[in-house]
Amino acid sequence: MKITIATRESRLALWQAEHVKALLEALGHTVHLLGMTTKGDQILDRSLSKVGGKGLFVKELEVALEEGRADIAVHSLKDVPMDLPPGFVLACVMEREDPRDAWVSPVCGGLAGLPPDAVVGTSSLRRLVLLREALDRLGRQDVRIEPLRGNLDTRLRKLDEGQYHAIVLAAAGLKRLGLAGRIRHVFEPVESLPAAGQGALGIEVRAGRDDLMAALAPLIHMPTWLRVAAERTVSRAMGGSCSMPLAAYAQWDGEAASTGASASLWLDAAWGDPEGASPMVRVRDQAQVESLEQAEALGRQVADALKSAGAQPPKPEG
């Protein structure tokens, strides 16, 4: 087939698109890239939660699919809204890269080493509430957590210019761009629970494109898809907004991570109050999972438990 990939033009997005391009070309397809700038790339002076959420990174790509200028769109799955617009489907989820958060700093190897009145940068409400919880445990109320927007290279430049003492990024992006050497510490999930879908790539197509679904089928990694389906269902059930400080992370128990065999899928979720008025809510549950429907059922179960424990979905605006 001849396949055109719609992609953002950041270095990381282009790496992801080139990665998919190489895999499809190895299967005999002819592949071209259509680079685009999205509103999420253009609006850098306000937090995502205040300007429309992470869907701003995918809307223009979906328009290209709708108009026939592109056939598929490659996304970082944590940037993809929990509910796709009518007429679009997630055709493929690929094998996950490192899903953890990474600490990047020229001055210290972790939270405990921050100097007095330090500034830590993050664009994520999830990371903000998790960092604040960890800093409170250390008695470090002097540390400020400030917004950090821009693509990965822009964020690193702002750090190197001295605007921040440290920043927290997804380990996957740094590793994909050969920047793992910038990582001073990788947070284990028990320290900083990842976002739903973090580290996984998803491929979006127009509904009804059975030819593309067949072409993309060899790229599917079902153990990853089942994990992120459970995670994303928690987020969808909680309101599906990036203005919500929510973490959700699923891990296989046993050999299912490599074989895809039926096994227990453990799902952890955490919700924090961005105003700090109530304590962090954490839930953990597991189920036997071998289908997307079972993964989603586990996600709904965990979301219900979060709500029962006091987690609050975001209030509608207006």
Protein backbone atom coordinates (compact mmCIF):
# COMPACT_ATOMS: atom_id res chain seq x y z
CA MET A 1 0.00 0.00 0.00
CA LYS A 2 0.89 3.67 -0.27
CA ILE A 3 0.48 5.13 3.21
CA THR A 4 0.84 8.76 4.34
CA ILE A 5 1.49 9.38 8.04
CA ALA A 6 0.28 12.62 9.61
CA THR A 7 2.66 13.71 12.36
CA ARG A 8 3.54 16.67 14.51
CA GLU A 9 6.86 18.25 13.61
CA SER A 10 8.57 18.08 16.98
CA ARG A 11 11.71 15.98 17.01
CA LEU A 12 10.10 13.32 19.17
CA ALA A 13 6.93 13.11 17.07
CA LEU A 14 9.03 12.81 13.91
CA TRP A 15 11.09 10.04 15.52
CA GLN A 16 7.87 8.18 16.30
CA ALA A 17 6.55 8.62 12.77
CA GLU A 18 9.87 7.56 11.24
CA HIS A 19 9.85 4.49 13.49
CA VAL A 20 6.42 3.44 12.22
CA LYS A 21 7.45 4.31 8.64
CA ALA A 22 10.46 1.97 8.86
CA LEU A 23 8.35 -0.88 10.24
CA LEU A 24 5.72 -0.48 7.52
CA GLU A 25 8.36 -0.22 4.78
CA ALA A 26 9.90 -3.46 6.06
CA LEU A 27 6.49 -5.04 5.41
CA GLY A 28 6.60 -3.82 1.80
CA HIS A 29 4.51 -0.65 1.98
CA THR A 30 5.45 2.75 0.51
CA VAL A 31 5.27 5.37 3.24
CA HIS A 32 5.46 9.19 3.28
CA LEU A 33 5.27 11.68 6.14
CA LEU A 34 3.02 14.74 6.32
CA GLY A 35 4.47 17.08 8.95
CA MET A 36 2.05 19.42 10.72
CA THR A 37 2.05 21.99 13.53
CA THR A 38 -0.83 21.63 15.99
CA LYS A 39 -2.44 24.16 18.32
CA GLY A 40 -0.89 22.28 21.21
CA ASP A 41 2.53 23.10 19.74
CA GLN A 42 1.64 26.76 19.17
CA ILE A 43 0.09 27.69 22.54
CA LEU A 44 2.99 27.62 24.99
CA ASP A 45 2.16 30.40 27.46
CA ARG A 46 -0.70 28.60 29.23
CA SER A 47 -1.13 25.15 30.78
CA LEU A 48 -2.84 22.50 28.66
CA SER A 49 -5.61 22.12 31.23
CA LYS A 50 -6.60 25.76 30.59
CA VAL A 51 -6.56 25.76 26.77
CA GLY A 52 -8.39 22.61 25.80
CA GLY A 53 -6.31 19.65 26.92
CA LYS A 54 -4.08 17.22 25.12
CA GLY A 55 -6.56 16.85 22.28
CA LEU A 56 -4.95 20.02 20.91
CA PHE A 57 -2.04 17.83 19.81
CA VAL A 58 -4.18 15.55 17.63
CA LYS A 59 -6.99 17.65 16.15
CA GLU A 60 -5.13 18.89 13.06
CA LEU A 61 -3.88 15.38 12.38
CA GLU A 62 -7.46 14.10 12.46
CA VAL A 63 -8.50 16.80 9.99
CA ALA A 64 -5.76 15.56 7.63
CA LEU A 65 -7.16 12.03 7.93
CA GLU A 66 -10.72 13.27 7.35
CA GLU A 67 -9.72 15.23 4.24
CA GLY A 68 -7.76 12.30 2.81
CA ARG A 69 -4.39 14.08 2.96
CA ALA A 70 -3.10 11.37 5.28
CA ASP A 71 -4.02 7.76 6.01
CA ILE A 72 -2.79 7.25 9.56
CA ALA A 73 -1.70 9.39 12.51
CA VAL A 74 0.96 8.30 14.99
CA HIS A 75 0.48 9.55 18.55
CA SER A 76 2.03 9.26 21.96
CA LEU A 77 -0.91 7.46 23.50
CA LYS A 78 -0.96 9.63 26.62
CA ASP A 79 -1.71 12.61 24.32
CA VAL A 80 -4.76 10.91 22.76
CA PRO A 81 -8.17 11.90 24.22
CA MET A 82 -9.94 9.03 25.96
CA ASP A 83 -12.84 9.21 23.51
CA LEU A 84 -11.99 9.67 19.84
CA PRO A 85 -14.33 11.75 17.65
CA PRO A 86 -16.98 9.86 15.68
CA GLY A 87 -15.49 8.30 12.56
CA PHE A 88 -12.04 7.65 14.05
CA VAL A 89 -10.63 4.51 15.65
CA LEU A 90 -7.45 3.40 17.37
CA ALA A 91 -6.14 0.77 14.94
CA CYS A 92 -2.95 -0.24 16.66
CA VAL A 93 -1.08 0.02 19.95
CA MET A 94 2.62 -0.81 19.70
CA GLU A 95 5.01 -2.31 22.24
CA ARG A 96 5.59 0.03 25.14
CA GLU A 97 8.86 1.86 25.82
CA ASP A 98 9.81 2.69 29.42
CA PRO A 99 6.58 4.10 30.95
CA ARG A 100 8.24 5.79 33.95
CA ASP A 101 8.91 9.43 34.81
CA ALA A 102 12.47 10.74 34.69
CA TRP A 103 14.25 13.36 36.82
CA VAL A 104 16.49 15.65 34.78
CA SER A 105 18.68 18.13 36.62
CA PRO A 106 22.14 19.70 36.38
CA VAL A 107 22.27 20.32 40.14
CA CYS A 108 21.08 17.19 41.95
CA GLY A 109 20.16 13.54 41.54
CA GLY A 110 16.74 13.72 43.14
CA LEU A 111 14.23 15.62 45.25
CA ALA A 112 16.25 15.31 48.44
CA GLY A 113 19.21 17.14 46.91
CA LEU A 114 17.36 20.26 45.76
CA PRO A 115 18.84 23.55 47.01
CA PRO A 116 16.73 25.92 49.16
CA ASP A 117 13.84 27.63 47.29
CA ALA A 118 14.44 25.46 44.22
CA VAL A 119 12.12 25.46 41.19
CA VAL A 120 10.96 22.21 39.58
CA GLY A 121 9.22 22.26 36.20
CA THR A 122 6.42 20.03 34.94
CA SER A 123 3.52 20.43 32.53
CA SER A 124 1.45 17.72 34.23
CA LEU A 125 -1.06 18.08 37.06
CA ARG A 126 -0.46 14.39 37.81
CA ARG A 127 3.26 15.01 38.34
CA LEU A 128 2.50 18.18 40.30
CA VAL A 129 0.41 16.39 42.94
CA LEU A 130 2.82 13.45 43.16
CA LEU A 131 5.83 15.77 43.49
CA ARG A 132 4.05 17.89 46.10
CA GLU A 133 3.24 14.77 48.13
CA ALA A 134 6.87 13.61 47.99
CA LEU A 135 8.20 17.08 48.86
CA ASP A 136 5.82 17.35 51.81
CA ARG A 137 7.17 14.04 53.13
CA LEU A 138 10.66 15.56 52.94
CA GLY A 139 9.53 18.75 54.67
CA ARG A 140 10.45 20.77 51.58
CA GLN A 141 7.61 23.27 51.38
CA ASP A 142 10.18 25.81 50.12
CA VAL A 143 10.37 24.11 46.69
CA ARG A 144 8.18 25.66 43.98
CA ILE A 145 6.63 23.59 41.19
CA GLU A 146 6.22 25.76 38.11
CA PRO A 147 4.56 25.11 34.71
CA LEU A 148 6.79 23.86 31.90
CA ARG A 149 5.48 23.80 28.32
CA GLY A 150 7.03 23.16 24.91
CA ASN A 151 8.39 20.13 23.12
CA LEU A 152 11.08 18.02 24.72
CA ASP A 153 13.99 20.02 23.30
CA THR A 154 12.39 23.29 24.43
CA ARG A 155 11.93 21.98 27.95
CA LEU A 156 15.56 20.85 28.15
CA ARG A 157 16.71 24.25 26.84
CA LYS A 158 14.71 26.05 29.54
CA LEU A 159 16.36 23.82 32.14
CA ASP A 160 19.83 24.46 30.73
CA GLU A 161 19.16 28.22 30.73
CA GLY A 162 18.64 28.06 34.49
CA GLN A 163 14.88 28.68 34.56
CA TYR A 164 14.48 25.51 36.64
CA HIS A 165 16.69 23.51 38.98
CA ALA A 166 15.11 20.27 37.73
CA ILE A 167 12.35 19.07 35.44
CA VAL A 168 10.35 15.85 35.25
CA LEU A 169 9.80 14.26 31.83
CA ALA A 170 8.69 10.93 30.40
CA ALA A 171 11.65 8.55 30.28
CA ALA A 172 10.39 7.12 26.97
CA GLY A 173 10.87 10.35 25.00
CA LEU A 174 14.39 10.87 26.31
CA LYS A 175 15.36 7.31 25.47
CA ARG A 176 13.84 7.43 21.99
CA LEU A 177 15.87 10.53 21.13
CA GLY A 178 19.12 9.13 22.50
CA LEU A 179 19.01 11.47 25.51
CA ALA A 180 18.99 8.84 28.25
CA GLY A 181 22.27 10.35 29.48
CA ARG A 182 20.30 13.40 30.68
CA ILE A 183 18.36 11.25 33.16
CA ARG A 184 19.64 11.53 36.74
CA HIS A 185 16.96 9.32 38.27
CA VAL A 186 14.10 7.18 36.97
CA PHE A 187 11.10 7.15 39.30
CA GLU A 188 9.77 3.70 40.00
CA PRO A 189 5.95 3.52 39.78
CA VAL A 190 5.75 3.40 43.58
CA GLU A 191 7.47 6.83 43.63
CA SER A 192 5.67 8.46 40.71
CA LEU A 193 2.79 6.50 39.21
CA PRO A 194 2.78 6.96 35.40
CA ALA A 195 0.04 8.50 33.29
CA ALA A 196 -2.39 6.32 31.38
CA GLY A 197 -0.72 5.17 28.16
CA GLN A 198 2.66 6.75 28.94
CA GLY A 199 5.45 5.26 26.81
CA ALA A 200 3.11 3.62 24.28
CA LEU A 201 2.47 4.63 20.68
CA GLY A 202 -1.02 4.50 19.18
CA ILE A 203 -2.00 4.69 15.52
CA GLU A 204 -5.29 6.34 14.57
CA VAL A 205 -7.23 5.83 11.32
CA ARG A 206 -10.63 6.67 9.89
CA ALA A 207 -13.26 4.09 10.76
CA GLY A 208 -13.96 1.66 7.96
CA ARG A 209 -10.40 1.57 6.62
CA ASP A 210 -10.11 -2.21 6.78
CA ASP A 211 -7.16 -2.09 4.37
CA LEU A 212 -5.17 0.01 6.83
CA MET A 213 -6.27 -2.10 9.78
CA ALA A 214 -4.86 -5.16 8.02
CA ALA A 215 -1.61 -3.34 7.15
CA LEU A 216 -1.14 -2.22 10.76
CA ALA A 217 -2.05 -5.56 12.37
CA PRO A 218 1.58 -6.85 12.44
CA LEU A 219 2.59 -3.79 14.52
CA ILE A 220 0.08 -4.51 17.30
CA HIS A 221 1.50 -5.57 20.68
CA MET A 222 -1.52 -6.98 22.48
CA PRO A 223 0.04 -7.23 25.98
CA THR A 224 0.65 -3.47 25.79
CA TRP A 225 -2.79 -2.76 24.35
CA LEU A 226 -4.51 -4.60 27.20
CA ARG A 227 -2.47 -2.68 29.79
CA VAL A 228 -3.20 0.74 28.31
CA ALA A 229 -6.86 -0.12 27.70
CA ALA A 230 -7.28 -0.67 31.44
CA GLU A 231 -5.39 2.55 32.24
CA ARG A 232 -7.29 4.69 29.74
CA THR A 233 -10.62 3.32 30.98
CA VAL A 234 -9.83 4.66 34.46
CA SER A 235 -9.20 8.08 32.98
CA ARG A 236 -12.33 7.94 30.80
CA ALA A 237 -14.50 6.94 33.75
CA MET A 238 -13.02 9.76 35.84
CA GLY A 239 -13.81 12.38 33.20
CA GLY A 240 -10.99 11.90 30.70
CA SER A 241 -9.48 15.35 31.08
CA CYS A 242 -5.86 16.45 31.32
CA SER A 243 -7.06 19.00 33.87
CA MET A 244 -7.40 16.03 36.22
CA PRO A 245 -4.44 14.99 38.42
CA LEU A 246 -4.84 11.27 37.75
CA ALA A 247 -2.33 8.43 37.37
CA ALA A 248 -3.15 4.93 36.12
CA TYR A 249 -0.65 2.17 35.47
CA ALA A 250 -1.16 -1.54 34.73
CA GLN A 251 1.39 -4.35 34.99
CA TRP A 252 1.18 -8.03 34.19
CA ASP A 253 1.73 -10.59 36.91
CA GLY A 254 4.00 -13.34 35.60
CA GLU A 255 4.91 -14.18 32.01
CA ALA A 256 1.98 -12.49 30.26
CA ALA A 257 4.05 -9.37 29.57
CA SER A 258 6.00 -11.26 26.92
CA THR A 259 3.66 -14.06 25.88
CA GLY A 260 0.24 -12.42 25.95
CA ALA A 261 -1.10 -15.43 27.84
CA SER A 262 -4.07 -14.99 30.14
CA ALA A 263 -2.84 -13.77 33.51
CA SER A 264 -3.55 -11.34 36.27
CA LEU A 265 -3.33 -7.70 35.29
CA TRP A 266 -2.62 -5.42 38.27
CA LEU A 267 -3.93 -1.88 37.94
CA ASP A 268 -2.80 0.97 40.20
CA ALA A 269 -4.44 4.39 40.15
CA ALA A 270 -3.94 7.59 42.12
CA TRP A 271 -5.83 10.87 42.29
CA GLY A 272 -4.66 14.03 43.99
CA ASP A 273 -6.30 17.34 44.81
CA PRO A 274 -4.41 20.06 42.86
CA GLU A 275 -5.33 22.55 45.61
CA GLY A 276 -3.85 20.26 48.26
CA ALA A 277 -7.02 20.37 50.33
CA SER A 278 -7.44 16.59 50.57
CA PRO A 279 -4.97 13.69 50.71
CA MET A 280 -3.94 11.52 47.78
CA VAL A 281 -6.34 8.69 46.95
CA ARG A 282 -4.75 5.42 45.84
CA VAL A 283 -6.41 2.21 44.61
CA ARG A 284 -4.99 -1.14 43.49
CA ASP A 285 -6.91 -4.08 42.02
CA GLN A 286 -6.35 -7.01 39.67
CA ALA A 287 -8.28 -9.32 37.35
CA GLN A 288 -7.72 -12.10 34.87
CA VAL A 289 -7.49 -10.30 31.53
CA GLU A 290 -7.26 -11.68 28.01
CA SER A 291 -9.51 -9.29 26.07
CA LEU A 292 -9.95 -5.54 25.70
CA GLU A 293 -13.41 -5.89 27.25
CA GLN A 294 -11.94 -7.48 30.39
CA ALA A 295 -9.22 -4.82 30.56
CA GLU A 296 -11.84 -2.08 30.36
CA ALA A 297 -13.95 -3.78 33.03
CA LEU A 298 -10.93 -3.70 35.37
CA GLY A 299 -10.47 -0.01 34.59
CA ARG A 300 -14.09 0.77 35.45
CA GLN A 301 -13.76 -1.22 38.69
CA VAL A 302 -10.71 0.80 39.74
CA ALA A 303 -12.35 4.10 38.78
CA ASP A 304 -15.39 3.24 40.91
CA ALA A 305 -13.08 2.48 43.83
CA LEU A 306 -11.30 5.82 43.36
CA LYS A 307 -14.61 7.68 43.47
CA SER A 308 -15.75 5.73 46.54
CA ALA A 309 -12.47 6.71 48.26
CA GLY A 310 -13.06 10.39 47.59
CA ALA A 311 -11.56 11.13 44.17
CA GLN A 312 -13.49 13.84 42.36
CA PRO A 313 -13.93 13.98 38.57
CA PRO A 314 -13.38 17.50 37.21
CA LYS A 315 -16.37 19.81 37.31
CA PRO A 316 -17.79 20.84 33.92
CA GLU A 317 -16.65 24.31 32.90
CA GLY A 318 -19.11 27.11 32.38
